[in-house]
C-alpha atoms as a PDB file:
ATOM      1  CA  MET A   1       0.096   0.124  -0.320  1.00  0.00           C
ATOM      2  CA  THR A   2       1.560   3.327  -1.161  1.00  0.00           C
ATOM      3  CA  GLN A   3       2.156   5.470   2.016  1.00  0.00           C
ATOM      4  CA  PRO A   4       1.027   9.368   2.244  1.00  0.00           C
ATOM      5  CA  ASP A   5       3.267  11.511   1.603  1.00  0.00           C
ATOM      6  CA  ASN A   6       4.758  14.435   3.941  1.00  0.00           C
ATOM      7  CA  HIS A   7       3.283  16.864   1.871  1.00  0.00           C
ATOM      8  CA  SER A   8      -0.215  15.351   2.386  1.00  0.00           C
ATOM      9  CA  VAL A   9      -0.241  14.495   6.483  1.00  0.00           C
ATOM     10  CA  ARG A  10       0.736  18.076   7.227  1.00  0.00           C
ATOM     11  CA  SER A  11      -2.283  18.796   4.910  1.00  0.00           C
ATOM     12  CA  ARG A  12      -4.553  16.698   6.740  1.00  0.00           C
ATOM     13  CA  LEU A  13      -2.868  18.024  10.388  1.00  0.00           C
ATOM     14  CA  ILE A  14      -3.738  21.668   8.999  1.00  0.00           C
ATOM     15  CA  ARG A  15      -7.237  20.938   8.280  1.00  0.00           C
ATOM     16  CA  ALA A  16      -8.416  19.311  11.105  1.00  0.00           C
ATOM     17  CA  LEU A  17      -6.506  21.961  13.662  1.00  0.00           C
ATOM     18  CA  GLU A  18      -8.673  24.280  12.047  1.00  0.00           C
ATOM     19  CA  HIS A  19     -11.840  22.527  12.402  1.00  0.00           C
ATOM     20  CA  ASP A  20     -14.398  23.939  13.735  1.00  0.00           C
ATOM     21  CA  ASP A  21     -14.416  20.585  16.669  1.00  0.00           C
ATOM     22  CA  PRO A  22     -12.611  21.049  19.562  1.00  0.00           C
ATOM     23  CA  SER A  23     -12.484  17.230  19.813  1.00  0.00           C
ATOM     24  CA  THR A  24     -11.003  16.819  16.356  1.00  0.00           C
ATOM     25  CA  ARG A  25      -8.066  20.059  16.745  1.00  0.00           C
ATOM     26  CA  LEU A  26      -7.355  17.912  19.933  1.00  0.00           C
ATOM     27  CA  ARG A  27      -6.574  15.148  18.414  1.00  0.00           C
ATOM     28  CA  ALA A  28      -5.166  16.996  15.402  1.00  0.00           C
ATOM     29  CA  ALA A  29      -2.384  18.152  18.092  1.00  0.00           C
ATOM     30  CA  LEU A  30      -1.800  14.880  19.743  1.00  0.00           C
ATOM     31  CA  ALA A  31      -0.764  13.344  16.276  1.00  0.00           C
ATOM     32  CA  ALA A  32       1.490  16.761  15.680  1.00  0.00           C
ATOM     33  CA  GLY A  33       3.071  16.026  18.938  1.00  0.00           C
ATOM     34  CA  THR A  34       3.350  12.161  18.320  1.00  0.00           C
ATOM     35  CA  ASP A  35       5.621  12.477  15.181  1.00  0.00           C
ATOM     36  CA  PRO A  36       7.311  15.826  15.230  1.00  0.00           C
ATOM     37  CA  ASP A  37       7.072  17.408  11.991  1.00  0.00           C
ATOM     38  CA  PRO A  38       9.835  20.071  12.022  1.00  0.00           C
ATOM     39  CA  GLU A  39       7.818  22.104   8.938  1.00  0.00           C
ATOM     40  CA  LEU A  40       4.995  22.363  10.947  1.00  0.00           C
ATOM     41  CA  ALA A  41       6.585  24.452  13.789  1.00  0.00           C
ATOM     42  CA  GLU A  42       5.119  27.261  12.308  1.00  0.00           C
ATOM     43  CA  PHE A  43       2.076  26.818  12.495  1.00  0.00           C
ATOM     44  CA  LEU A  44       1.645  25.568  15.385  1.00  0.00           C
ATOM     45  CA  ALA A  45       3.344  28.373  16.907  1.00  0.00           C
ATOM     46  CA  GLY A  46       0.794  30.713  14.548  1.00  0.00           C
ATOM     47  CA  ARG A  47      -2.092  28.676  15.856  1.00  0.00           C
ATOM     48  CA  PHE A  48      -1.774  28.550  19.704  1.00  0.00           C
ATOM     49  CA  SER A  49      -1.928  32.383  20.392  1.00  0.00           C
ATOM     50  CA  VAL A  50      -5.959  32.194  18.568  1.00  0.00           C
ATOM     51  CA  GLU A  51      -7.081  28.525  19.764  1.00  0.00           C
ATOM     52  CA  PRO A  52      -9.805  28.996  21.594  1.00  0.00           C
ATOM     53  CA  ASP A  53      -9.896  25.808  24.061  1.00  0.00           C
ATOM     54  CA  PHE A  54      -7.708  25.262  26.881  1.00  0.00           C
ATOM     55  CA  PHE A  55      -7.092  22.047  26.757  1.00  0.00           C
ATOM     56  CA  VAL A  56      -6.509  22.201  22.701  1.00  0.00           C
ATOM     57  CA  ARG A  57      -3.930  25.263  23.225  1.00  0.00           C
ATOM     58  CA  ASP A  58      -2.136  22.898  26.441  1.00  0.00           C
ATOM     59  CA  MET A  59      -1.443  20.323  23.404  1.00  0.00           C
ATOM     60  CA  LEU A  60      -0.451  22.271  21.328  1.00  0.00           C
ATOM     61  CA  THR A  61       2.368  23.320  23.677  1.00  0.00           C
ATOM     62  CA  TRP A  62       3.508  20.223  24.277  1.00  0.00           C
ATOM     63  CA  ALA A  63       3.557  19.439  20.513  1.00  0.00           C
ATOM     64  CA  LEU A  64       6.046  22.546  20.002  1.00  0.00           C
ATOM     65  CA  THR A  65       7.873  21.296  22.870  1.00  0.00           C
ATOM     66  CA  ARG A  66       9.100  18.072  21.226  1.00  0.00           C
ATOM     67  CA  LEU A  67      10.718  20.087  18.122  1.00  0.00           C
ATOM     68  CA  PRO A  68      14.259  21.438  18.389  1.00  0.00           C
ATOM     69  CA  THR A  69      14.538  24.476  19.988  1.00  0.00           C
ATOM     70  CA  SER A  70      16.819  25.674  17.655  1.00  0.00           C
ATOM     71  CA  VAL A  71      13.198  25.916  15.185  1.00  0.00           C
ATOM     72  CA  THR A  72      10.844  26.602  17.878  1.00  0.00           C
ATOM     73  CA  VAL A  73      12.466  29.731  19.644  1.00  0.00           C
ATOM     74  CA  PRO A  74      12.647  32.267  17.510  1.00  0.00           C
ATOM     75  CA  LEU A  75       9.032  31.364  15.727  1.00  0.00           C
ATOM     76  CA  VAL A  76       7.448  31.802  19.970  1.00  0.00           C
ATOM     77  CA  LEU A  77       9.315  34.783  20.479  1.00  0.00           C
ATOM     78  CA  ALA A  78       8.256  36.297  17.254  1.00  0.00           C
ATOM     79  CA  GLU A  79       4.556  35.739  18.227  1.00  0.00           C
ATOM     80  CA  LEU A  80       5.945  38.176  21.571  1.00  0.00           C
ATOM     81  CA  ASN A  81       5.215  41.229  18.934  1.00  0.00           C
ATOM     82  CA  ARG A  82       1.647  40.500  18.520  1.00  0.00           C
ATOM     83  CA  ASP A  83      -1.242  42.714  19.493  1.00  0.00           C
ATOM     84  CA  THR A  84      -3.024  40.559  21.530  1.00  0.00           C
ATOM     85  CA  SER A  85      -2.825  40.105  25.194  1.00  0.00           C
ATOM     86  CA  ARG A  86      -3.795  35.664  24.587  1.00  0.00           C
ATOM     87  CA  ALA A  87      -1.166  35.566  22.050  1.00  0.00           C
ATOM     88  CA  ARG A  88       1.595  37.131  23.911  1.00  0.00           C
ATOM     89  CA  SER A  89       0.076  34.736  26.875  1.00  0.00           C
ATOM     90  CA  GLN A  90       0.498  31.685  25.256  1.00  0.00           C
ATOM     91  CA  ALA A  91       3.894  32.662  24.037  1.00  0.00           C
ATOM     92  CA  LEU A  92       4.977  33.253  27.416  1.00  0.00           C
ATOM     93  CA  HIS A  93       3.633  29.890  28.456  1.00  0.00           C
ATOM     94  CA  VAL A  94       5.632  28.050  25.716  1.00  0.00           C
ATOM     95  CA  LEU A  95       8.832  29.408  26.164  1.00  0.00           C
ATOM     96  CA  SER A  96       8.970  28.413  30.007  1.00  0.00           C
ATOM     97  CA  LYS A  97       7.978  25.126  28.958  1.00  0.00           C
ATOM     98  CA  LEU A  98      10.683  24.797  26.221  1.00  0.00           C
ATOM     99  CA  ARG A  99      12.866  26.714  29.433  1.00  0.00           C
ATOM    100  CA  ASP A 100      15.523  28.033  26.575  1.00  0.00           C
ATOM    101  CA  ALA A 101      17.755  30.749  27.384  1.00  0.00           C
ATOM    102  CA  ALA A 102      17.894  32.345  24.071  1.00  0.00           C
ATOM    103  CA  ALA A 103      14.755  33.795  25.626  1.00  0.00           C
ATOM    104  CA  TRP A 104      15.214  35.068  28.532  1.00  0.00           C
ATOM    105  CA  PRO A 105      16.436  39.003  27.672  1.00  0.00           C
ATOM    106  CA  SER A 106      12.105  38.523  25.807  1.00  0.00           C
ATOM    107  CA  VAL A 107      10.866  37.430  28.552  1.00  0.00           C
ATOM    108  CA  ARG A 108      13.317  39.539  31.669  1.00  0.00           C
ATOM    109  CA  GLU A 109      11.683  42.813  29.045  1.00  0.00           C
ATOM    110  CA  LEU A 110       8.184  41.718  30.301  1.00  0.00           C
ATOM    111  CA  ILE A 111       8.011  41.661  33.815  1.00  0.00           C
ATOM    112  CA  HIS A 112       6.201  44.775  33.770  1.00  0.00           C
ATOM    113  CA  ASP A 113       4.108  44.738  31.253  1.00  0.00           C
ATOM    114  CA  SER A 114       0.594  46.495  31.451  1.00  0.00           C
ATOM    115  CA  ASP A 115      -1.496  43.891  30.667  1.00  0.00           C
ATOM    116  CA  ALA A 116      -2.238  41.570  32.948  1.00  0.00           C
ATOM    117  CA  ASP A 117      -3.243  38.241  31.784  1.00  0.00           C
ATOM    118  CA  VAL A 118       0.417  39.351  29.992  1.00  0.00           C
ATOM    119  CA  VAL A 119       2.484  40.348  33.289  1.00  0.00           C
ATOM    120  CA  ARG A 120       1.528  37.081  34.837  1.00  0.00           C
ATOM    121  CA  ALA A 121       2.669  34.512  32.790  1.00  0.00           C
ATOM    122  CA  ALA A 122       6.138  37.041  32.504  1.00  0.00           C
ATOM    123  CA  TRP A 123       6.300  36.358  36.279  1.00  0.00           C
ATOM    124  CA  ARG A 124       5.668  32.290  35.910  1.00  0.00           C
ATOM    125  CA  ALA A 125       8.374  32.280  32.863  1.00  0.00           C
ATOM    126  CA  ALA A 126      10.457  34.341  34.443  1.00  0.00           C
ATOM    127  CA  VAL A 127      11.340  32.506  37.508  1.00  0.00           C
ATOM    128  CA  VAL A 128      12.414  29.575  35.198  1.00  0.00           C
ATOM    129  CA  LEU A 129      14.400  31.255  32.443  1.00  0.00           C
ATOM    130  CA  VAL A 130      16.315  33.619  35.390  1.00  0.00           C
ATOM    131  CA  PRO A 131      19.866  32.630  34.119  1.00  0.00           C
ATOM    132  CA  PRO A 132      21.664  30.995  37.228  1.00  0.00           C
ATOM    133  CA  GLY A 133      23.308  34.054  39.388  1.00  0.00           C
ATOM    134  CA  ASP A 134      20.322  35.941  38.369  1.00  0.00           C
ATOM    135  CA  GLU A 135      18.017  35.930  40.748  1.00  0.00           C
ATOM    136  CA  ASP A 136      18.663  38.292  43.665  1.00  0.00           C
ATOM    137  CA  GLU A 137      18.185  40.873  40.886  1.00  0.00           C
ATOM    138  CA  LEU A 138      15.142  39.213  39.249  1.00  0.00           C
ATOM    139  CA  ALA A 139      13.823  39.353  42.978  1.00  0.00           C
ATOM    140  CA  VAL A 140      13.999  42.890  43.653  1.00  0.00           C
ATOM    141  CA  ALA A 141      12.266  43.614  40.469  1.00  0.00           C
ATOM    142  CA  LEU A 142       9.172  41.126  41.359  1.00  0.00           C
ATOM    143  CA  VAL A 143       9.166  42.726  44.383  1.00  0.00           C
ATOM    144  CA  SER A 144       8.332  46.557  42.789  1.00  0.00           C
ATOM    145  CA  GLU A 145       5.351  44.803  41.254  1.00  0.00           C
ATOM    146  CA  LEU A 146       3.926  44.127  45.234  1.00  0.00           C
ATOM    147  CA  GLY A 147       0.703  45.552  45.514  1.00  0.00           C
ATOM    148  CA  ARG A 148      -0.287  46.043  42.051  1.00  0.00           C
ATOM    149  CA  GLY A 149      -3.692  44.072  40.736  1.00  0.00           C
ATOM    150  CA  ASP A 150      -6.773  41.930  42.242  1.00  0.00           C
ATOM    151  CA  ARG A 151      -6.050  38.870  44.680  1.00  0.00           C
ATOM    152  CA  GLU A 152      -5.382  36.630  42.030  1.00  0.00           C
ATOM    153  CA  MET A 153      -2.602  38.918  40.532  1.00  0.00           C
ATOM    154  CA  GLN A 154      -0.770  39.379  43.834  1.00  0.00           C
ATOM    155  CA  LEU A 155      -1.136  35.555  44.489  1.00  0.00           C
ATOM    156  CA  SER A 156       0.740  35.057  41.216  1.00  0.00           C
ATOM    157  CA  LEU A 157       3.416  37.899  41.993  1.00  0.00           C
ATOM    158  CA  SER A 158       4.116  35.932  45.152  1.00  0.00           C
ATOM    159  CA  ARG A 159       4.567  32.299  43.819  1.00  0.00           C
ATOM    160  CA  ALA A 160       6.066  33.893  41.555  1.00  0.00           C
ATOM    161  CA  LEU A 161       9.037  35.719  44.055  1.00  0.00           C
ATOM    162  CA  ILE A 162       8.905  32.895  46.348  1.00  0.00           C
ATOM    163  CA  ALA A 163       9.602  30.531  43.134  1.00  0.00           C
ATOM    164  CA  LEU A 164      13.127  32.271  43.985  1.00  0.00           C
ATOM    165  CA  GLU A 165      13.754  30.492  47.205  1.00  0.00           C
ATOM    166  CA  GLU A 166      16.357  31.912  48.610  1.00  0.00           C
ATOM    167  CA  SER A 167      15.870  35.491  47.215  1.00  0.00           C
ATOM    168  CA  VAL A 168      12.782  36.091  47.697  1.00  0.00           C
ATOM    169  CA  LEU A 169      13.347  37.461  52.051  1.00  0.00           C
ATOM    170  CA  PRO A 170      16.274  40.145  51.106  1.00  0.00           C
ATOM    171  CA  ALA A 171      14.583  41.445  48.660  1.00  0.00           C
ATOM    172  CA  LEU A 172      11.469  41.807  50.753  1.00  0.00           C
ATOM    173  CA  ALA A 173      12.936  42.828  53.345  1.00  0.00           C
ATOM    174  CA  GLY A 174      13.866  46.120  50.997  1.00  0.00           C
ATOM    175  CA  VAL A 175      10.591  47.141  50.522  1.00  0.00           C
ATOM    176  CA  ALA A 176      10.314  50.621  51.892  1.00  0.00           C
ATOM    177  CA  SER A 177       6.792  52.046  50.568  1.00  0.00           C
ATOM    178  CA  THR A 178       4.248  53.926  52.629  1.00  0.00           C
ATOM    179  CA  ASP A 179       1.590  52.254  50.610  1.00  0.00           C
ATOM    180  CA  GLU A 180      -0.002  50.228  52.906  1.00  0.00           C
ATOM    181  CA  VAL A 181      -1.590  47.612  49.896  1.00  0.00           C
ATOM    182  CA  VAL A 182       2.669  47.086  49.106  1.00  0.00           C
ATOM    183  CA  ARG A 183       3.183  46.459  52.594  1.00  0.00           C
ATOM    184  CA  GLU A 184       0.806  44.204  53.142  1.00  0.00           C
ATOM    185  CA  HIS A 185       1.474  42.212  49.971  1.00  0.00           C
ATOM    186  CA  ALA A 186       5.042  41.897  51.026  1.00  0.00           C
ATOM    187  CA  ARG A 187       4.007  40.745  54.961  1.00  0.00           C
ATOM    188  CA  ALA A 188       1.740  38.135  52.726  1.00  0.00           C
ATOM    189  CA  THR A 189       4.023  36.898  50.823  1.00  0.00           C
ATOM    190  CA  GLU A 190       6.777  36.188  53.682  1.00  0.00           C
ATOM    191  CA  ALA A 191       3.906  34.706  55.276  1.00  0.00           C
ATOM    192  CA  LEU A 192       3.286  31.801  52.470  1.00  0.00           C
ATOM    193  CA  TYR A 193       7.144  31.644  51.947  1.00  0.00           C
ATOM    194  CA  ARG A 194       7.140  30.312  55.450  1.00  0.00           C
ATOM    195  CA  ASP A 195       4.639  28.649  55.333  1.00  0.00           C
ATOM    196  CA  PRO A 196       3.526  27.597  52.337  1.00  0.00           C
ATOM    197  CA  ASP A 197       0.334  25.419  53.207  1.00  0.00           C
ATOM    198  CA  SER A 198      -0.671  28.335  54.484  1.00  0.00           C
ATOM    199  CA  ALA A 199      -3.628  30.551  53.537  1.00  0.00           C
ATOM    200  CA  PHE A 200      -2.675  33.555  51.357  1.00  0.00           C
ATOM    201  CA  SER A 201      -4.559  36.825  52.926  1.00  0.00           C
ATOM    202  CA  LEU A 202      -4.130  40.220  52.837  1.00  0.00           C
ATOM    203  CA  SER A 203      -5.217  42.412  56.778  1.00  0.00           C
ATOM    204  CA  TRP A 204      -8.974  43.721  56.179  1.00  0.00           C
ATOM    205  CA  GLU A 205      -7.666  47.216  55.438  1.00  0.00           C
ATOM    206  CA  ALA A 206      -5.136  46.407  52.820  1.00  0.00           C
ATOM    207  CA  ALA A 207      -8.318  44.719  51.249  1.00  0.00           C
ATOM    208  CA  LYS A 208     -10.130  47.570  50.959  1.00  0.00           C
ATOM    209  CA  ARG A 209      -7.659  49.824  49.930  1.00  0.00           C
ATOM    210  CA  VAL A 210      -7.926  46.523  46.939  1.00  0.00           C
ATOM    211  CA  ALA A 211     -11.089  46.950  46.101  1.00  0.00           C
ATOM    212  CA  ALA A 212     -11.051  50.729  46.575  1.00  0.00           C
ATOM    213  CA  THR A 213      -8.639  51.195  43.986  1.00  0.00           C
ATOM    214  CA  GLY A 214     -10.239  49.154  41.412  1.00  0.00           C
ATOM    215  CA  GLY A 215      -7.775  45.769  41.298  1.00  0.00           C
ATOM    216  CA  GLY A 216     -11.155  43.477  43.273  1.00  0.00           C
END
């Protein structure tokens, strides 16, 4: 029996990944990762940023990690220049999975981004990709974001800081803000660091301040 050529296989996968049915797209993404084809890398890198289904996006991310980073990293980095926050945040998520040092400078530039989804993804990616020896510097940079956003956003930042392990306490000790929300966020982060099983909590007064500024 004649085997289908690679071009035909790619064409079928691309059509399936663009199908209206998410189950069809999920199976296609699984197939793309099971039999990695570098010729599909550009399509996959562009597809994950527009894919509406979480599970399909997750499978597309896995498919990209199955390809050589020399091929995927430049393509995913290019997605950081897209206008949509979904494309940029998803690209950061993929970069955190690829764990390639070449992505660090681009990720570092986004840890103060104005978009909430993008900056949270940048925090998560940054603590994965930070070069050895730069953890203290990153901790100080992340601490400057304390007090930003609602409770979930603040918890995301605290988790990123805690992932830096011993670098977090000196950075928190250097917080000298007059803003009560910032100070409370620093306190809650240190408490969570010392007891990871404890609940993340801000004081009632700080919580009211967050609500008053529209963050919660």
